[in-house]
């Protein structure tokens, strides 16, 4: 005996399917809303890992470079070179991390409507001739 199926079940359009479609479309919208956040965060993590990799390689090169030093001056020059490249690497990496993290600043994470007004809160002093003409108008009135 064959069980009777409804037309919706035969087409694969059951109420469960519509619930899952609604759920996954919401997840997709959520993912698109936070796409700048996730991309920026991933770029920052990638830059941090690259920075750690470069510094680890520099530390591993120390014994080989020190073995090539023949005078105390060579040793000092090598230490200065190591710390200069470390400083340059730190500053360049932190600049790129800051740039990546700034890509998901507040405008991307703001919820709701933009309620900022178009009013300019910076005030400038009026030119002297406008101020004197206003005073004359007030006196006459």
N, C-alpha and C. Protein backbone atom coordinates (compact mmCIF):
# COMPACT_ATOMS: atom_id res chain seq x y z
N UNK A 1 0.83 -1.17 0.00
CA UNK A 1 0.00 0.00 0.00
C UNK A 1 0.89 1.24 0.00
N UNK A 2 0.53 2.21 -0.79
CA UNK A 2 1.32 3.43 -0.93
C UNK A 2 0.65 4.52 -0.12
N UNK A 3 1.47 5.23 0.64
CA UNK A 3 0.93 6.32 1.46
C UNK A 3 0.61 7.50 0.57
N UNK A 4 -0.48 8.14 0.88
CA UNK A 4 -0.88 9.31 0.12
C UNK A 4 -0.03 10.51 0.53
N UNK A 5 0.43 11.27 -0.45
CA UNK A 5 1.22 12.47 -0.16
C UNK A 5 0.49 13.67 -0.74
N UNK A 6 0.67 14.76 -0.08
CA UNK A 6 0.03 15.97 -0.58
C UNK A 6 0.85 16.53 -1.73
N UNK A 7 0.27 17.47 -2.44
CA UNK A 7 0.95 18.09 -3.57
C UNK A 7 2.18 18.86 -3.09
N UNK A 8 2.08 19.52 -1.92
CA UNK A 8 3.20 20.29 -1.39
C UNK A 8 4.37 19.38 -1.03
N UNK A 9 4.04 18.21 -0.48
CA UNK A 9 5.11 17.28 -0.13
C UNK A 9 5.73 16.67 -1.37
N UNK A 10 4.96 16.47 -2.40
CA UNK A 10 5.49 15.92 -3.65
C UNK A 10 6.44 16.91 -4.32
N UNK A 11 6.17 18.20 -4.21
CA UNK A 11 7.03 19.22 -4.80
C UNK A 11 8.20 19.59 -3.90
N UNK A 12 8.22 19.12 -2.68
CA UNK A 12 9.29 19.45 -1.75
C UNK A 12 9.08 20.78 -1.06
N UNK A 13 7.88 21.29 -1.02
CA UNK A 13 7.57 22.59 -0.42
C UNK A 13 6.76 22.40 0.85
N UNK A 14 7.31 21.75 1.81
CA UNK A 14 6.60 21.53 3.06
C UNK A 14 6.77 22.75 3.96
N UNK A 15 5.98 22.88 5.01
CA UNK A 15 6.15 24.00 5.93
C UNK A 15 7.54 24.02 6.59
N UNK A 16 8.12 22.87 6.77
CA UNK A 16 9.47 22.81 7.34
C UNK A 16 10.48 23.46 6.40
N UNK A 17 10.30 23.23 5.11
CA UNK A 17 11.21 23.84 4.14
C UNK A 17 11.13 25.36 4.18
N UNK A 18 9.94 25.88 4.29
CA UNK A 18 9.81 27.34 4.32
C UNK A 18 10.42 27.92 5.59
N UNK A 19 10.32 27.20 6.71
CA UNK A 19 10.95 27.67 7.94
C UNK A 19 12.47 27.70 7.79
N UNK A 20 13.03 26.63 7.22
CA UNK A 20 14.48 26.59 7.02
C UNK A 20 14.94 27.64 6.03
N UNK A 21 14.16 27.85 4.97
CA UNK A 21 14.52 28.89 4.00
C UNK A 21 14.53 30.26 4.67
N UNK A 22 13.55 30.53 5.50
CA UNK A 22 13.51 31.81 6.20
C UNK A 22 14.70 31.95 7.14
N UNK A 23 15.02 30.88 7.86
CA UNK A 23 16.13 30.90 8.81
C UNK A 23 17.45 31.15 8.09
N UNK A 24 17.70 30.42 6.99
CA UNK A 24 18.97 30.55 6.30
C UNK A 24 19.08 31.86 5.53
N UNK A 25 17.98 32.42 5.07
CA UNK A 25 18.05 33.73 4.43
C UNK A 25 18.38 34.80 5.46
N UNK A 26 17.90 34.61 6.69
CA UNK A 26 18.29 35.53 7.77
C UNK A 26 19.77 35.42 8.10
N UNK A 27 20.29 34.21 8.10
CA UNK A 27 21.72 34.02 8.33
C UNK A 27 22.55 34.66 7.22
N UNK A 28 22.06 34.55 6.00
CA UNK A 28 22.78 35.15 4.88
C UNK A 28 22.80 36.67 5.01
N UNK A 29 21.68 37.27 5.38
CA UNK A 29 21.63 38.72 5.58
C UNK A 29 22.55 39.13 6.72
N UNK A 30 22.58 38.34 7.78
CA UNK A 30 23.47 38.62 8.91
C UNK A 30 24.93 38.56 8.45
N UNK A 31 25.26 37.56 7.65
CA UNK A 31 26.63 37.43 7.15
C UNK A 31 27.02 38.59 6.26
N UNK A 32 26.10 39.07 5.44
CA UNK A 32 26.41 40.20 4.57
C UNK A 32 26.56 41.48 5.37
N UNK A 33 25.80 41.61 6.45
CA UNK A 33 25.90 42.82 7.27
C UNK A 33 27.24 42.88 8.00
N UNK A 34 27.76 41.75 8.41
CA UNK A 34 29.02 41.71 9.15
C UNK A 34 30.20 41.31 8.29
N UNK A 35 30.05 41.34 6.98
CA UNK A 35 31.13 41.00 6.08
C UNK A 35 32.34 41.92 6.25
N UNK A 36 32.18 43.25 6.34
CA UNK A 36 33.36 44.10 6.56
C UNK A 36 34.06 43.79 7.88
N UNK A 37 33.29 43.44 8.90
CA UNK A 37 33.87 43.10 10.20
C UNK A 37 34.73 41.86 10.09
N UNK A 38 34.19 40.81 9.49
CA UNK A 38 34.92 39.55 9.43
C UNK A 38 36.14 39.66 8.52
N UNK A 39 36.01 40.38 7.41
CA UNK A 39 37.16 40.55 6.52
C UNK A 39 38.26 41.37 7.20
N UNK A 40 37.89 42.44 7.87
CA UNK A 40 38.87 43.26 8.57
C UNK A 40 39.56 42.50 9.68
N UNK A 41 38.78 41.72 10.43
CA UNK A 41 39.34 40.94 11.52
C UNK A 41 40.28 39.86 10.98
N UNK A 42 39.91 39.23 9.88
CA UNK A 42 40.76 38.20 9.28
C UNK A 42 42.06 38.83 8.75
N UNK A 43 41.96 40.01 8.15
CA UNK A 43 43.18 40.69 7.67
C UNK A 43 44.09 41.03 8.83
N UNK A 44 43.53 41.47 9.96
CA UNK A 44 44.34 41.81 11.13
C UNK A 44 45.03 40.57 11.69
N UNK A 45 44.30 39.46 11.76
CA UNK A 45 44.91 38.22 12.25
C UNK A 45 46.01 37.73 11.32
N UNK A 46 45.78 37.83 10.02
CA UNK A 46 46.78 37.42 9.05
C UNK A 46 48.04 38.27 9.18
N UNK A 47 47.87 39.55 9.37
CA UNK A 47 49.03 40.43 9.53
C UNK A 47 49.78 40.10 10.81
N UNK A 48 49.08 39.83 11.89
CA UNK A 48 49.75 39.46 13.15
C UNK A 48 50.54 38.17 12.99
N UNK A 49 49.96 37.19 12.31
CA UNK A 49 50.68 35.93 12.09
C UNK A 49 51.90 36.13 11.20
N UNK A 50 51.79 36.97 10.19
CA UNK A 50 52.93 37.27 9.33
C UNK A 50 54.04 37.98 10.10
N UNK A 51 53.63 38.89 10.97
CA UNK A 51 54.61 39.60 11.81
C UNK A 51 55.34 38.62 12.73
N UNK A 52 54.61 37.74 13.38
CA UNK A 52 55.24 36.75 14.26
C UNK A 52 56.18 35.83 13.47
N UNK A 53 55.80 35.49 12.27
CA UNK A 53 56.64 34.65 11.43
C UNK A 53 57.94 35.37 11.06
N UNK A 54 57.85 36.63 10.67
CA UNK A 54 59.05 37.39 10.32
C UNK A 54 59.98 37.56 11.51
N UNK A 55 59.43 37.81 12.69
CA UNK A 55 60.28 37.99 13.87
C UNK A 55 60.91 36.66 14.29
N UNK A 56 60.19 35.56 14.16
CA UNK A 56 60.76 34.25 14.49
C UNK A 56 61.92 33.92 13.54
N UNK A 57 61.77 34.25 12.26
CA UNK A 57 62.86 34.02 11.31
C UNK A 57 64.07 34.88 11.66
N UNK A 58 63.82 36.12 12.07
CA UNK A 58 64.94 37.00 12.46
C UNK A 58 65.68 36.44 13.68
N UNK A 59 64.94 35.91 14.64
CA UNK A 59 65.59 35.32 15.81
C UNK A 59 66.39 34.07 15.44
N UNK A 60 65.87 33.28 14.49
CA UNK A 60 66.58 32.07 14.08
C UNK A 60 67.84 32.39 13.28
N UNK A 61 67.91 33.56 12.66
CA UNK A 61 69.10 33.96 11.91
C UNK A 61 70.22 34.49 12.80
N UNK A 62 69.95 34.76 14.05
CA UNK A 62 70.94 35.37 14.94
C UNK A 62 72.23 34.53 15.04
N UNK A 63 72.17 33.24 15.33
CA UNK A 63 73.43 32.50 15.47
C UNK A 63 74.29 32.53 14.21
N UNK A 64 73.67 32.41 13.05
CA UNK A 64 74.42 32.42 11.80
C UNK A 64 75.07 33.79 11.57
N UNK A 65 74.36 34.86 11.84
CA UNK A 65 74.91 36.20 11.64
C UNK A 65 76.01 36.52 12.66
N UNK A 66 75.83 36.07 13.89
CA UNK A 66 76.86 36.32 14.91
C UNK A 66 78.13 35.52 14.63
N UNK A 67 78.00 34.37 13.99
CA UNK A 67 79.17 33.57 13.65
C UNK A 67 80.03 34.27 12.60
N UNK A 68 79.44 35.17 11.82
CA UNK A 68 80.19 35.89 10.79
C UNK A 68 80.88 37.13 11.34
N UNK A 69 80.59 37.51 12.58
CA UNK A 69 81.21 38.71 13.17
C UNK A 69 82.67 38.41 13.53
N UNK A 70 83.58 39.34 13.16
CA UNK A 70 85.00 39.16 13.44
C UNK A 70 85.52 40.14 14.49
N UNK A 71 84.86 41.27 14.64
CA UNK A 71 85.31 42.28 15.60
C UNK A 71 84.15 42.68 16.48
N UNK A 72 84.44 43.33 17.62
CA UNK A 72 83.34 43.83 18.46
C UNK A 72 82.46 44.83 17.72
N UNK A 73 83.06 45.60 16.80
CA UNK A 73 82.27 46.55 16.01
C UNK A 73 81.26 45.82 15.13
N UNK A 74 81.66 44.68 14.56
CA UNK A 74 80.72 43.88 13.76
C UNK A 74 79.56 43.39 14.62
N UNK A 75 79.86 42.99 15.86
CA UNK A 75 78.82 42.53 16.77
C UNK A 75 77.83 43.65 17.08
N UNK A 76 78.34 44.84 17.37
CA UNK A 76 77.47 45.99 17.66
C UNK A 76 76.64 46.33 16.43
N UNK A 77 77.27 46.34 15.26
CA UNK A 77 76.53 46.65 14.03
C UNK A 77 75.42 45.63 13.79
N UNK A 78 75.69 44.38 14.09
CA UNK A 78 74.67 43.35 13.91
C UNK A 78 73.51 43.52 14.88
N UNK A 79 73.82 43.86 16.12
CA UNK A 79 72.76 44.11 17.10
C UNK A 79 71.91 45.31 16.69
N UNK A 80 72.58 46.37 16.24
CA UNK A 80 71.84 47.56 15.80
C UNK A 80 70.95 47.23 14.61
N UNK A 81 71.48 46.44 13.66
CA UNK A 81 70.69 46.05 12.49
C UNK A 81 69.46 45.24 12.92
N UNK A 82 69.66 44.31 13.85
CA UNK A 82 68.55 43.48 14.32
C UNK A 82 67.45 44.33 14.94
N UNK A 83 67.82 45.23 15.85
CA UNK A 83 66.81 46.03 16.54
C UNK A 83 66.18 47.07 15.61
N UNK A 84 66.93 47.57 14.63
CA UNK A 84 66.35 48.52 13.68
C UNK A 84 65.31 47.82 12.81
N UNK A 85 65.65 46.62 12.32
CA UNK A 85 64.66 45.89 11.50
C UNK A 85 63.47 45.46 12.35
N UNK A 86 63.71 45.13 13.63
CA UNK A 86 62.58 44.78 14.51
C UNK A 86 61.64 45.97 14.67
N UNK A 87 62.22 47.17 14.90
CA UNK A 87 61.39 48.37 15.06
C UNK A 87 60.62 48.66 13.77
N UNK A 88 61.29 48.58 12.63
CA UNK A 88 60.62 48.86 11.36
C UNK A 88 59.51 47.83 11.10
N UNK A 89 59.77 46.59 11.44
CA UNK A 89 58.77 45.55 11.24
C UNK A 89 57.56 45.75 12.16
N UNK A 90 57.82 46.09 13.41
CA UNK A 90 56.73 46.35 14.35
C UNK A 90 55.87 47.52 13.88
N UNK A 91 56.50 48.62 13.49
CA UNK A 91 55.71 49.79 13.08
C UNK A 91 54.92 49.52 11.80
N UNK A 92 55.54 48.85 10.84
CA UNK A 92 54.82 48.55 9.59
C UNK A 92 53.66 47.60 9.85
N UNK A 93 53.89 46.58 10.66
CA UNK A 93 52.83 45.61 10.94
C UNK A 93 51.69 46.25 11.71
N UNK A 94 52.01 47.05 12.72
CA UNK A 94 50.94 47.67 13.50
C UNK A 94 50.16 48.68 12.66
N UNK A 95 50.82 49.33 11.72
CA UNK A 95 50.10 50.22 10.80
C UNK A 95 49.10 49.46 9.95
N UNK A 96 49.52 48.29 9.44
CA UNK A 96 48.62 47.48 8.62
C UNK A 96 47.50 46.87 9.47
N UNK A 97 47.79 46.50 10.72
CA UNK A 97 46.75 45.97 11.60
C UNK A 97 45.73 47.07 11.91
N UNK A 98 46.21 48.27 12.19
CA UNK A 98 45.31 49.39 12.45
C UNK A 98 44.44 49.69 11.25
N UNK A 99 45.02 49.64 10.07
CA UNK A 99 44.24 49.87 8.85
C UNK A 99 43.17 48.79 8.67
N UNK A 100 43.53 47.55 8.95
CA UNK A 100 42.56 46.46 8.82
C UNK A 100 41.45 46.59 9.85
N UNK A 101 41.80 46.96 11.07
CA UNK A 101 40.78 47.10 12.11
C UNK A 101 39.91 48.33 11.90
N UNK A 102 40.44 49.35 11.27
CA UNK A 102 39.63 50.54 11.03
C UNK A 102 38.59 50.30 9.94
N UNK A 103 38.73 49.23 9.18
CA UNK A 103 37.76 48.96 8.12
C UNK A 103 36.41 48.54 8.68
N UNK A 104 36.37 48.12 9.93
CA UNK A 104 35.07 47.75 10.51
C UNK A 104 34.74 48.63 11.71
N UNK A 105 35.02 49.90 11.57
CA UNK A 105 34.70 50.86 12.62
C UNK A 105 33.19 51.05 12.73
N UNK A 106 32.76 51.99 13.53
CA UNK A 106 31.35 52.18 13.87
C UNK A 106 30.37 52.26 12.70
N UNK A 107 30.67 52.89 11.58
CA UNK A 107 29.64 52.95 10.53
C UNK A 107 29.17 51.58 10.06
N UNK A 108 30.03 50.58 10.09
CA UNK A 108 29.61 49.25 9.65
C UNK A 108 28.80 48.53 10.71
N UNK A 109 28.97 48.90 11.96
CA UNK A 109 28.30 48.20 13.03
C UNK A 109 27.10 48.95 13.58
N UNK A 110 26.76 50.07 12.98
CA UNK A 110 25.64 50.86 13.48
C UNK A 110 24.32 50.15 13.17
N UNK A 111 23.42 50.18 14.12
CA UNK A 111 22.11 49.56 13.95
C UNK A 111 21.06 50.64 13.77
N UNK A 112 20.02 50.33 13.06
CA UNK A 112 18.91 51.25 12.92
C UNK A 112 19.20 52.35 11.92
N UNK A 113 18.33 53.34 11.93
CA UNK A 113 18.45 54.46 11.01
C UNK A 113 19.51 55.43 11.49
N UNK A 114 20.04 56.17 10.53
CA UNK A 114 21.01 57.20 10.86
C UNK A 114 20.24 58.43 11.32
N UNK A 115 20.33 58.77 12.60
CA UNK A 115 19.54 59.86 13.15
C UNK A 115 20.36 61.12 13.34
N UNK A 116 21.53 61.18 12.74
CA UNK A 116 22.33 62.40 12.88
C UNK A 116 21.68 63.51 12.09
N UNK A 117 21.70 64.68 12.64
CA UNK A 117 21.08 65.81 11.96
C UNK A 117 22.11 66.49 11.08
N UNK A 118 21.63 67.31 10.19
CA UNK A 118 22.50 68.03 9.28
C UNK A 118 23.00 69.33 9.85
N UNK A 119 22.81 69.57 11.13
CA UNK A 119 23.20 70.83 11.74
C UNK A 119 24.70 70.89 11.96
N UNK A 120 25.25 72.06 11.70
CA UNK A 120 26.67 72.29 11.90
C UNK A 120 26.85 72.95 13.26
N UNK A 121 27.60 72.34 14.13
CA UNK A 121 27.76 72.85 15.48
C UNK A 121 28.98 73.76 15.62
N UNK A 122 29.69 73.98 14.55
CA UNK A 122 30.83 74.90 14.60
C UNK A 122 30.31 76.30 14.30
N UNK A 123 30.62 77.23 15.16
CA UNK A 123 30.14 78.59 14.93
C UNK A 123 31.33 79.50 14.61
N UNK A 124 31.08 80.39 13.71
CA UNK A 124 32.10 81.36 13.30
C UNK A 124 31.60 82.75 13.67
N UNK A 125 32.53 83.61 14.00
CA UNK A 125 32.12 84.98 14.31
C UNK A 125 31.69 85.68 13.02
N UNK A 126 30.70 86.56 13.14
CA UNK A 126 30.19 87.27 11.98
C UNK A 126 31.15 88.39 11.62
N UNK A 127 31.19 88.76 10.34
CA UNK A 127 32.03 89.91 9.97
C UNK A 127 31.53 91.18 10.68
N UNK A 128 32.41 92.09 10.89
CA UNK A 128 32.12 93.30 11.67
C UNK A 128 31.00 94.13 11.06
N UNK A 129 30.93 94.23 9.73
CA UNK A 129 29.89 95.06 9.11
C UNK A 129 28.50 94.47 9.30
N UNK A 130 28.35 93.14 9.30
CA UNK A 130 27.04 92.55 9.55
C UNK A 130 26.61 92.78 10.99
N UNK A 131 27.56 92.72 11.90
CA UNK A 131 27.25 92.90 13.31
C UNK A 131 26.79 94.35 13.56
N UNK A 132 27.46 95.33 12.94
CA UNK A 132 27.08 96.72 13.16
C UNK A 132 25.72 97.04 12.52
N UNK A 133 25.41 96.43 11.37
CA UNK A 133 24.11 96.68 10.74
C UNK A 133 22.98 96.07 11.57
N UNK A 134 23.24 94.96 12.19
CA UNK A 134 22.21 94.36 13.06
C UNK A 134 21.96 95.25 14.27
N UNK A 135 23.01 95.83 14.82
CA UNK A 135 22.83 96.71 15.97
C UNK A 135 22.03 97.95 15.59
N UNK A 136 22.26 98.49 14.39
CA UNK A 136 21.48 99.66 13.94
C UNK A 136 20.01 99.29 13.78
N UNK A 137 19.74 98.12 13.23
CA UNK A 137 18.36 97.69 13.05
C UNK A 137 17.66 97.52 14.41
N UNK A 138 18.35 97.04 15.37
CA UNK A 138 17.76 96.85 16.68
C UNK A 138 17.49 98.19 17.36
N UNK A 139 18.38 99.12 17.18
CA UNK A 139 18.18 100.44 17.79
C UNK A 139 17.02 101.17 17.15
N UNK A 140 16.87 101.02 15.84
CA UNK A 140 15.79 101.70 15.15
C UNK A 140 14.44 101.10 15.46
N UNK A 141 14.41 99.86 15.75
CA UNK A 141 13.13 99.21 15.99
C UNK A 141 12.68 99.47 17.38
